[in-house]
Amino acid sequence: MTTFSIAQIDELWLRGKLAERRLMHGAAEQNDNEIIATDARDDALVAECEAAIERMHRVVPPDARVRLVSRNGDATMTVEINGVSVVTTPEFADEDVQLLRQPPAPRPLRPAPLVWHHGSAAVLLHEAIGHPRELNLPEIEWPSWLRVDCPIELRRASFSDVPLRRMTRVVVSQIDAPFDLPDDRIDVQLVRGGAYDPLTDVVTIDVAVPQFTIRATRAEIAAALLGATGEPVRYPGVVCSREGQELVVGSYAPVVVTRGFA
């Protein structure tokens, strides 16, 4: 018999004031093909969640929309300012929120080479490599200098969800990659979100700063990768949603250059 317990506190803060708070707890026992779920409370897990929420309270920005989530004692903050958001933790909140306070970048008027900063290329490859691996789709050929560490495990968002093959992290690195910083370029600072369609093999990336959308197949993305430089840096969080289950996926990437996408 397998037992799974969960406790979660979810809070919404608007401009420094608590607007909503929810506590969820439960347990499930799996015996062969039978799962029995109850709302049993594990007081130790709830206490760990309360401690994590308290750490996040100390760094809530007073001028933002902030969602705080502690599941079994972890700590995740989604901070939104002027329609752009990052996903962070108490340790990195001050640093990551500064990315949201940058002056707005103009929308690109025409395609140009893209330079992916702040680890944002990890989101591109999360969609183009991570999701196809979750679905056991055939691999395609990627540049020889590119390395993507993307472990897949059975994960679920709560005791009431079905475990699915999901990414635990995406770490992009490079070995002796070419790198030439184009004079005429678009600097990608933050990404709003992305999606992968296994039927068409098309990846969609909504860039937040500056604001535009990319749609390309995996093969087109592989052909567009021109080079990279430096060590992987942490992108401020990715919350991946699949079949209604939201899970945080750690994301890291160096500075990456791609061709523009029409």
C-alpha atoms as a PDB file:
ATOM      1  CA  MET A   1       0.000   0.000   0.000  1.00  0.00           C
ATOM      2  CA  THR A   2       1.258   3.482  -0.928  1.00  0.00           C
ATOM      3  CA  THR A   3       0.261   6.567   1.095  1.00  0.00           C
ATOM      4  CA  PHE A   4       0.497  10.116  -0.280  1.00  0.00           C
ATOM      5  CA  SER A   5      -0.120  13.158   1.943  1.00  0.00           C
ATOM      6  CA  ILE A   6      -0.293  16.802   0.992  1.00  0.00           C
ATOM      7  CA  ALA A   7      -0.842  20.187   2.614  1.00  0.00           C
ATOM      8  CA  GLN A   8      -0.989  23.443   0.698  1.00  0.00           C
ATOM      9  CA  ILE A   9      -1.512  27.097   1.572  1.00  0.00           C
ATOM     10  CA  ASP A  10      -2.391  29.457  -1.268  1.00  0.00           C
ATOM     11  CA  GLU A  11      -2.547  33.240  -0.705  1.00  0.00           C
ATOM     12  CA  LEU A  12      -3.271  36.157  -3.029  1.00  0.00           C
ATOM     13  CA  TRP A  13      -1.816  39.583  -2.175  1.00  0.00           C
ATOM     14  CA  LEU A  14      -2.853  42.773  -3.980  1.00  0.00           C
ATOM     15  CA  ARG A  15      -0.651  45.829  -3.468  1.00  0.00           C
ATOM     16  CA  GLY A  16       0.604  44.662  -0.112  1.00  0.00           C
ATOM     17  CA  LYS A  17      -2.752  43.491   1.305  1.00  0.00           C
ATOM     18  CA  LEU A  18      -3.963  39.919   1.744  1.00  0.00           C
ATOM     19  CA  ALA A  19      -6.996  39.397  -0.519  1.00  0.00           C
ATOM     20  CA  GLU A  20      -7.503  35.634  -0.334  1.00  0.00           C
ATOM     21  CA  ARG A  21      -6.182  32.639   1.615  1.00  0.00           C
ATOM     22  CA  ARG A  22      -6.900  28.926   1.171  1.00  0.00           C
ATOM     23  CA  LEU A  23      -5.678  25.854   3.066  1.00  0.00           C
ATOM     24  CA  MET A  24      -5.938  22.442   1.443  1.00  0.00           C
ATOM     25  CA  HIS A  25      -4.887  19.125   2.940  1.00  0.00           C
ATOM     26  CA  GLY A  26      -5.540  15.474   2.329  1.00  0.00           C
ATOM     27  CA  ALA A  27      -4.196  11.979   1.983  1.00  0.00           C
ATOM     28  CA  ALA A  28      -4.591   9.129  -0.438  1.00  0.00           C
ATOM     29  CA  GLU A  29      -3.938   5.434  -0.028  1.00  0.00           C
ATOM     30  CA  GLN A  30      -3.304   3.352  -3.112  1.00  0.00           C
ATOM     31  CA  ASN A  31      -3.759  -0.397  -2.934  1.00  0.00           C
ATOM     32  CA  ASP A  32      -3.240  -2.008  -6.356  1.00  0.00           C
ATOM     33  CA  ASN A  33      -5.744  -0.254  -8.627  1.00  0.00           C
ATOM     34  CA  GLU A  34      -7.815   1.278  -5.816  1.00  0.00           C
ATOM     35  CA  ILE A  35      -7.198   4.813  -4.475  1.00  0.00           C
ATOM     36  CA  ILE A  36      -8.990   6.029  -1.354  1.00  0.00           C
ATOM     37  CA  ALA A  37      -8.683   9.797  -0.792  1.00  0.00           C
ATOM     38  CA  THR A  38      -9.694  11.745   2.309  1.00  0.00           C
ATOM     39  CA  ASP A  39      -9.229  15.256   3.667  1.00  0.00           C
ATOM     40  CA  ALA A  40      -7.002  13.993   6.496  1.00  0.00           C
ATOM     41  CA  ARG A  41      -4.756  16.694   7.964  1.00  0.00           C
ATOM     42  CA  ASP A  42      -1.054  16.138   8.580  1.00  0.00           C
ATOM     43  CA  ASP A  43      -0.256  18.788  11.214  1.00  0.00           C
ATOM     44  CA  ALA A  44       3.498  18.574  10.589  1.00  0.00           C
ATOM     45  CA  LEU A  45       3.036  19.321   6.879  1.00  0.00           C
ATOM     46  CA  VAL A  46       0.680  22.211   7.643  1.00  0.00           C
ATOM     47  CA  ALA A  47       3.263  23.673  10.055  1.00  0.00           C
ATOM     48  CA  GLU A  48       5.937  23.455   7.330  1.00  0.00           C
ATOM     49  CA  CYS A  49       3.617  25.309   4.950  1.00  0.00           C
ATOM     50  CA  GLU A  50       2.935  28.041   7.526  1.00  0.00           C
ATOM     51  CA  ALA A  51       6.693  28.522   8.020  1.00  0.00           C
ATOM     52  CA  ALA A  52       7.245  28.826   4.258  1.00  0.00           C
ATOM     53  CA  ILE A  53       4.386  31.317   3.909  1.00  0.00           C
ATOM     54  CA  GLU A  54       5.900  33.424   6.699  1.00  0.00           C
ATOM     55  CA  ARG A  55       9.243  33.560   4.817  1.00  0.00           C
ATOM     56  CA  MET A  56       7.419  34.771   1.719  1.00  0.00           C
ATOM     57  CA  HIS A  57       5.454  37.421   3.642  1.00  0.00           C
ATOM     58  CA  ARG A  58       8.735  39.214   4.403  1.00  0.00           C
ATOM     59  CA  VAL A  59       9.484  39.857   0.706  1.00  0.00           C
ATOM     60  CA  VAL A  60       6.042  40.544  -0.790  1.00  0.00           C
ATOM     61  CA  PRO A  61       6.393  43.681  -2.995  1.00  0.00           C
ATOM     62  CA  PRO A  62       3.911  46.376  -1.949  1.00  0.00           C
ATOM     63  CA  ASP A  63       2.987  47.373  -5.520  1.00  0.00           C
ATOM     64  CA  ALA A  64       2.348  43.991  -7.174  1.00  0.00           C
ATOM     65  CA  ARG A  65      -0.110  41.158  -7.571  1.00  0.00           C
ATOM     66  CA  VAL A  66       1.480  38.237  -5.742  1.00  0.00           C
ATOM     67  CA  ARG A  67       0.395  34.629  -5.408  1.00  0.00           C
ATOM     68  CA  LEU A  68       2.090  32.670  -2.629  1.00  0.00           C
ATOM     69  CA  VAL A  69       1.941  28.878  -2.719  1.00  0.00           C
ATOM     70  CA  SER A  70       3.458  26.497  -0.206  1.00  0.00           C
ATOM     71  CA  ARG A  71       2.964  22.826  -0.968  1.00  0.00           C
ATOM     72  CA  ASN A  72       4.395  20.462   1.667  1.00  0.00           C
ATOM     73  CA  GLY A  73       6.705  23.212   2.878  1.00  0.00           C
ATOM     74  CA  ASP A  74       8.113  24.471  -0.411  1.00  0.00           C
ATOM     75  CA  ALA A  75       7.808  28.178  -1.261  1.00  0.00           C
ATOM     76  CA  THR A  76       6.804  29.599  -4.629  1.00  0.00           C
ATOM     77  CA  MET A  77       5.895  33.206  -5.421  1.00  0.00           C
ATOM     78  CA  THR A  78       4.326  34.456  -8.648  1.00  0.00           C
ATOM     79  CA  VAL A  79       4.817  38.225  -8.850  1.00  0.00           C
ATOM     80  CA  GLU A  80       3.059  40.322 -11.501  1.00  0.00           C
ATOM     81  CA  ILE A  81       3.633  44.003 -12.265  1.00  0.00           C
ATOM     82  CA  ASN A  82       2.022  45.734 -15.257  1.00  0.00           C
ATOM     83  CA  GLY A  83       0.896  42.449 -16.770  1.00  0.00           C
ATOM     84  CA  VAL A  84       4.336  40.793 -16.701  1.00  0.00           C
ATOM     85  CA  SER A  85       5.196  38.127 -14.135  1.00  0.00           C
ATOM     86  CA  VAL A  86       8.028  36.037 -12.746  1.00  0.00           C
ATOM     87  CA  VAL A  87       7.952  32.919 -10.598  1.00  0.00           C
ATOM     88  CA  THR A  88      10.443  33.096  -7.770  1.00  0.00           C
ATOM     89  CA  THR A  89      11.291  32.071  -4.199  1.00  0.00           C
ATOM     90  CA  PRO A  90      11.958  34.173  -1.070  1.00  0.00           C
ATOM     91  CA  GLU A  91      15.733  33.874  -1.587  1.00  0.00           C
ATOM     92  CA  PHE A  92      15.609  35.398  -5.077  1.00  0.00           C
ATOM     93  CA  ALA A  93      12.489  37.577  -4.897  1.00  0.00           C
ATOM     94  CA  ASP A  94      14.181  40.988  -4.630  1.00  0.00           C
ATOM     95  CA  GLU A  95      16.561  40.188  -7.501  1.00  0.00           C
ATOM     96  CA  ASP A  96      13.874  38.740  -9.779  1.00  0.00           C
ATOM     97  CA  VAL A  97      11.328  41.503  -9.194  1.00  0.00           C
ATOM     98  CA  GLN A  98      13.878  44.007 -10.521  1.00  0.00           C
ATOM     99  CA  LEU A  99      13.424  42.377 -13.936  1.00  0.00           C
ATOM    100  CA  LEU A 100       9.776  43.469 -13.815  1.00  0.00           C
ATOM    101  CA  ARG A 101      10.756  47.071 -13.144  1.00  0.00           C
ATOM    102  CA  GLN A 102      12.738  47.507 -16.363  1.00  0.00           C
ATOM    103  CA  PRO A 103      11.532  50.226 -18.764  1.00  0.00           C
ATOM    104  CA  PRO A 104       9.122  48.685 -21.298  1.00  0.00           C
ATOM    105  CA  ALA A 105      10.844  47.546 -24.479  1.00  0.00           C
ATOM    106  CA  PRO A 106       9.323  48.502 -27.853  1.00  0.00           C
ATOM    107  CA  ARG A 107       7.536  45.817 -29.841  1.00  0.00           C
ATOM    108  CA  PRO A 108       9.796  44.589 -32.707  1.00  0.00           C
ATOM    109  CA  LEU A 109       8.703  45.900 -36.098  1.00  0.00           C
ATOM    110  CA  ARG A 110      10.412  43.159 -38.119  1.00  0.00           C
ATOM    111  CA  PRO A 111      12.141  39.816 -37.593  1.00  0.00           C
ATOM    112  CA  ALA A 112      15.736  40.040 -36.361  1.00  0.00           C
ATOM    113  CA  PRO A 113      18.162  37.718 -34.569  1.00  0.00           C
ATOM    114  CA  LEU A 114      17.100  37.030 -30.979  1.00  0.00           C
ATOM    115  CA  VAL A 115      19.418  37.107 -27.962  1.00  0.00           C
ATOM    116  CA  TRP A 116      17.886  35.178 -25.046  1.00  0.00           C
ATOM    117  CA  HIS A 117      18.990  36.695 -21.706  1.00  0.00           C
ATOM    118  CA  HIS A 118      18.447  35.777 -18.017  1.00  0.00           C
ATOM    119  CA  GLY A 119      18.142  32.048 -18.802  1.00  0.00           C
ATOM    120  CA  SER A 120      15.022  32.652 -20.923  1.00  0.00           C
ATOM    121  CA  ALA A 121      16.197  30.186 -23.595  1.00  0.00           C
ATOM    122  CA  ALA A 122      15.319  27.463 -21.085  1.00  0.00           C
ATOM    123  CA  VAL A 123      11.637  28.251 -21.705  1.00  0.00           C
ATOM    124  CA  LEU A 124      12.098  27.858 -25.463  1.00  0.00           C
ATOM    125  CA  LEU A 125      13.735  24.454 -25.000  1.00  0.00           C
ATOM    126  CA  HIS A 126      11.302  23.456 -22.233  1.00  0.00           C
ATOM    127  CA  GLU A 127       8.641  23.485 -24.946  1.00  0.00           C
ATOM    128  CA  ALA A 128      10.757  22.226 -27.861  1.00  0.00           C
ATOM    129  CA  ILE A 129      12.619  19.418 -26.062  1.00  0.00           C
ATOM    130  CA  GLY A 130      11.045  18.850 -22.643  1.00  0.00           C
ATOM    131  CA  HIS A 131       7.419  18.283 -23.636  1.00  0.00           C
ATOM    132  CA  PRO A 132       8.235  15.967 -26.556  1.00  0.00           C
ATOM    133  CA  ARG A 133      10.347  13.883 -24.156  1.00  0.00           C
ATOM    134  CA  GLU A 134       7.454  13.720 -21.699  1.00  0.00           C
ATOM    135  CA  LEU A 135       5.352  12.288 -24.522  1.00  0.00           C
ATOM    136  CA  ASN A 136       8.085   9.879 -25.719  1.00  0.00           C
ATOM    137  CA  LEU A 137       8.118  11.474 -29.175  1.00  0.00           C
ATOM    138  CA  PRO A 138      11.036  10.750 -31.518  1.00  0.00           C
ATOM    139  CA  GLU A 139      14.037  13.036 -31.030  1.00  0.00           C
ATOM    140  CA  ILE A 140      15.160  15.409 -33.766  1.00  0.00           C
ATOM    141  CA  GLU A 141      18.696  16.587 -34.520  1.00  0.00           C
ATOM    142  CA  TRP A 142      19.921  19.515 -32.448  1.00  0.00           C
ATOM    143  CA  PRO A 143      23.219  21.473 -32.746  1.00  0.00           C
ATOM    144  CA  SER A 144      26.224  19.444 -31.576  1.00  0.00           C
ATOM    145  CA  TRP A 145      27.202  22.121 -29.041  1.00  0.00           C
ATOM    146  CA  LEU A 146      23.815  22.058 -27.271  1.00  0.00           C
ATOM    147  CA  ARG A 147      23.226  20.071 -24.095  1.00  0.00           C
ATOM    148  CA  VAL A 148      19.816  19.833 -22.401  1.00  0.00           C
ATOM    149  CA  ASP A 149      19.453  18.009 -19.076  1.00  0.00           C
ATOM    150  CA  CYS A 150      15.738  17.359 -18.681  1.00  0.00           C
ATOM    151  CA  PRO A 151      14.898  14.527 -16.246  1.00  0.00           C
ATOM    152  CA  ILE A 152      11.401  13.082 -16.561  1.00  0.00           C
ATOM    153  CA  GLU A 153       9.615  11.595 -13.547  1.00  0.00           C
ATOM    154  CA  LEU A 154       6.086  10.715 -12.504  1.00  0.00           C
ATOM    155  CA  ARG A 155       4.742  13.838 -10.784  1.00  0.00           C
ATOM    156  CA  ARG A 156       1.343  15.130  -9.705  1.00  0.00           C
ATOM    157  CA  ALA A 157       0.052  18.426  -8.346  1.00  0.00           C
ATOM    158  CA  SER A 158      -2.038  16.956  -5.517  1.00  0.00           C
ATOM    159  CA  PHE A 159      -3.224  13.696  -3.996  1.00  0.00           C
ATOM    160  CA  SER A 160      -6.358  13.879  -6.167  1.00  0.00           C
ATOM    161  CA  ASP A 161      -4.389  14.105  -9.451  1.00  0.00           C
ATOM    162  CA  VAL A 162      -3.172  11.262 -11.643  1.00  0.00           C
ATOM    163  CA  PRO A 163       0.646  11.004 -11.806  1.00  0.00           C
ATOM    164  CA  LEU A 164       1.997  12.033 -15.223  1.00  0.00           C
ATOM    165  CA  ARG A 165       5.402  11.951 -16.869  1.00  0.00           C
ATOM    166  CA  ARG A 166       6.643  15.479 -16.141  1.00  0.00           C
ATOM    167  CA  MET A 167       9.868  17.436 -16.251  1.00  0.00           C
ATOM    168  CA  THR A 168      11.598  18.130 -12.940  1.00  0.00           C
ATOM    169  CA  ARG A 169      14.037  20.708 -14.367  1.00  0.00           C
ATOM    170  CA  VAL A 170      15.512  22.005 -17.635  1.00  0.00           C
ATOM    171  CA  VAL A 171      19.225  22.823 -17.608  1.00  0.00           C
ATOM    172  CA  VAL A 172      20.585  24.082 -20.931  1.00  0.00           C
ATOM    173  CA  SER A 173      24.342  24.271 -21.414  1.00  0.00           C
ATOM    174  CA  GLN A 174      26.819  24.632 -24.255  1.00  0.00           C
ATOM    175  CA  ILE A 175      30.177  23.118 -25.161  1.00  0.00           C
ATOM    176  CA  ASP A 176      32.398  25.236 -27.421  1.00  0.00           C
ATOM    177  CA  ALA A 177      29.386  26.868 -29.047  1.00  0.00           C
ATOM    178  CA  PRO A 178      29.903  29.612 -31.610  1.00  0.00           C
ATOM    179  CA  PHE A 179      28.827  33.048 -30.453  1.00  0.00           C
ATOM    180  CA  ASP A 180      28.507  36.315 -32.328  1.00  0.00           C
ATOM    181  CA  LEU A 181      26.433  39.117 -30.795  1.00  0.00           C
ATOM    182  CA  PRO A 182      24.467  40.704 -33.680  1.00  0.00           C
ATOM    183  CA  ASP A 183      24.360  44.495 -33.851  1.00  0.00           C
ATOM    184  CA  ASP A 184      20.825  44.347 -35.224  1.00  0.00           C
ATOM    185  CA  ARG A 185      19.026  42.147 -32.680  1.00  0.00           C
ATOM    186  CA  ILE A 186      16.078  41.750 -30.343  1.00  0.00           C
ATOM    187  CA  ASP A 187      16.999  41.164 -26.681  1.00  0.00           C
ATOM    188  CA  VAL A 188      14.593  38.730 -25.040  1.00  0.00           C
ATOM    189  CA  GLN A 189      14.359  39.604 -21.338  1.00  0.00           C
ATOM    190  CA  LEU A 190      11.256  37.789 -20.045  1.00  0.00           C
ATOM    191  CA  VAL A 191       8.860  35.171 -21.406  1.00  0.00           C
ATOM    192  CA  ARG A 192       5.153  35.166 -20.573  1.00  0.00           C
ATOM    193  CA  GLY A 193       4.523  31.508 -21.448  1.00  0.00           C
ATOM    194  CA  GLY A 194       4.672  28.794 -24.046  1.00  0.00           C
ATOM    195  CA  ALA A 195       3.009  25.701 -25.466  1.00  0.00           C
ATOM    196  CA  TYR A 196       3.782  22.632 -27.539  1.00  0.00           C
ATOM    197  CA  ASP A 197       1.293  20.951 -29.894  1.00  0.00           C
ATOM    198  CA  PRO A 198       2.276  17.313 -30.512  1.00  0.00           C
ATOM    199  CA  LEU A 199      -0.120  17.020 -33.477  1.00  0.00           C
ATOM    200  CA  THR A 200       1.542  19.792 -35.500  1.00  0.00           C
ATOM    201  CA  ASP A 201       4.951  19.726 -33.765  1.00  0.00           C
ATOM    202  CA  VAL A 202       4.614  23.510 -33.352  1.00  0.00           C
ATOM    203  CA  VAL A 203       6.073  25.404 -30.395  1.00  0.00           C
ATOM    204  CA  THR A 204       4.493  28.707 -29.360  1.00  0.00           C
ATOM    205  CA  ILE A 205       6.425  31.172 -27.202  1.00  0.00           C
ATOM    206  CA  ASP A 206       4.835  34.383 -25.927  1.00  0.00           C
ATOM    207  CA  VAL A 207       7.671  36.800 -25.176  1.00  0.00           C
ATOM    208  CA  ALA A 208       6.734  39.388 -22.547  1.00  0.00           C
ATOM    209  CA  VAL A 209       9.661  41.830 -22.812  1.00  0.00           C
ATOM    210  CA  PRO A 210       9.597  42.962 -25.576  1.00  0.00           C
ATOM    211  CA  GLN A 211       6.148  41.748 -26.524  1.00  0.00           C
ATOM    212  CA  PHE A 212       5.798  39.374 -29.483  1.00  0.00           C
ATOM    213  CA  THR A 213       4.948  35.736 -30.246  1.00  0.00           C
ATOM    214  CA  ILE A 214       6.977  32.979 -31.880  1.00  0.00           C
ATOM    215  CA  ARG A 215       5.452  29.968 -33.641  1.00  0.00           C
ATOM    216  CA  ALA A 216       7.798  27.390 -35.143  1.00  0.00           C
ATOM    217  CA  THR A 217       8.271  23.650 -35.449  1.00  0.00           C
ATOM    218  CA  ARG A 218      10.964  21.850 -33.482  1.00  0.00           C
ATOM    219  CA  ALA A 219      13.012  21.492 -36.676  1.00  0.00           C
ATOM    220  CA  GLU A 220      12.746  25.227 -37.367  1.00  0.00           C
ATOM    221  CA  ILE A 221      13.864  26.011 -33.810  1.00  0.00           C
ATOM    222  CA  ALA A 222      16.823  23.611 -34.089  1.00  0.00           C
ATOM    223  CA  ALA A 223      17.886  25.247 -37.369  1.00  0.00           C
ATOM    224  CA  ALA A 224      17.527  28.714 -35.817  1.00  0.00           C
ATOM    225  CA  LEU A 225      19.980  28.066 -32.947  1.00  0.00           C
ATOM    226  CA  LEU A 226      23.111  30.020 -33.885  1.00  0.00           C
ATOM    227  CA  GLY A 227      25.199  29.835 -30.713  1.00  0.00           C
ATOM    228  CA  ALA A 228      25.533  30.447 -27.001  1.00  0.00           C
ATOM    229  CA  THR A 229      27.951  31.766 -24.412  1.00  0.00           C
ATOM    230  CA  GLY A 230      28.593  31.432 -20.693  1.00  0.00           C
ATOM    231  CA  GLU A 231      27.312  29.141 -17.978  1.00  0.00           C
ATOM    232  CA  PRO A 232      23.624  28.362 -17.337  1.00  0.00           C
ATOM    233  CA  VAL A 233      21.887  31.004 -15.234  1.00  0.00           C
ATOM    234  CA  ARG A 234      18.614  30.623 -13.391  1.00  0.00           C
ATOM    235  CA  TYR A 235      15.495  31.856 -15.157  1.00  0.00           C
ATOM    236  CA  PRO A 236      13.004  33.250 -12.609  1.00  0.00           C
ATOM    237  CA  GLY A 237      10.757  30.263 -12.553  1.00  0.00           C
ATOM    238  CA  VAL A 238       8.530  28.304 -14.854  1.00  0.00           C
ATOM    239  CA  VAL A 239       5.106  27.031 -13.809  1.00  0.00           C
ATOM    240  CA  CYS A 240       4.225  24.294 -16.274  1.00  0.00           C
ATOM    241  CA  SER A 241       0.567  23.411 -16.781  1.00  0.00           C
ATOM    242  CA  ARG A 242      -0.434  20.109 -18.343  1.00  0.00           C
ATOM    243  CA  GLU A 243      -3.870  18.480 -18.119  1.00  0.00           C
ATOM    244  CA  GLY A 244      -4.803  21.018 -15.454  1.00  0.00           C
ATOM    245  CA  GLN A 245      -1.855  20.217 -13.172  1.00  0.00           C
ATOM    246  CA  GLU A 246       0.496  23.115 -12.403  1.00  0.00           C
ATOM    247  CA  LEU A 247       4.044  22.203 -11.367  1.00  0.00           C
ATOM    248  CA  VAL A 248       7.184  24.302 -10.962  1.00  0.00           C
ATOM    249  CA  VAL A 249      10.069  23.328 -13.258  1.00  0.00           C
ATOM    250  CA  GLY A 250      13.514  24.724 -12.424  1.00  0.00           C
ATOM    251  CA  SER A 251      14.999  26.375 -15.531  1.00  0.00           C
ATOM    252  CA  TYR A 252      18.587  27.351 -16.403  1.00  0.00           C
ATOM    253  CA  ALA A 253      20.297  28.425 -19.631  1.00  0.00           C
ATOM    254  CA  PRO A 254      23.248  30.465 -20.909  1.00  0.00           C
ATOM    255  CA  VAL A 255      22.856  33.431 -23.243  1.00  0.00           C
ATOM    256  CA  VAL A 256      21.619  31.934 -26.514  1.00  0.00           C
ATOM    257  CA  VAL A 257      21.379  33.468 -30.000  1.00  0.00           C
ATOM    258  CA  THR A 258      18.807  32.367 -32.559  1.00  0.00           C
ATOM    259  CA  ARG A 259      17.717  33.586 -35.948  1.00  0.00           C
ATOM    260  CA  GLY A 260      14.555  35.621 -36.028  1.00  0.00           C
ATOM    261  CA  PHE A 261      11.235  33.930 -36.685  1.00  0.00           C
ATOM    262  CA  ALA A 262       8.877  35.337 -39.325  1.00  0.00           C
END
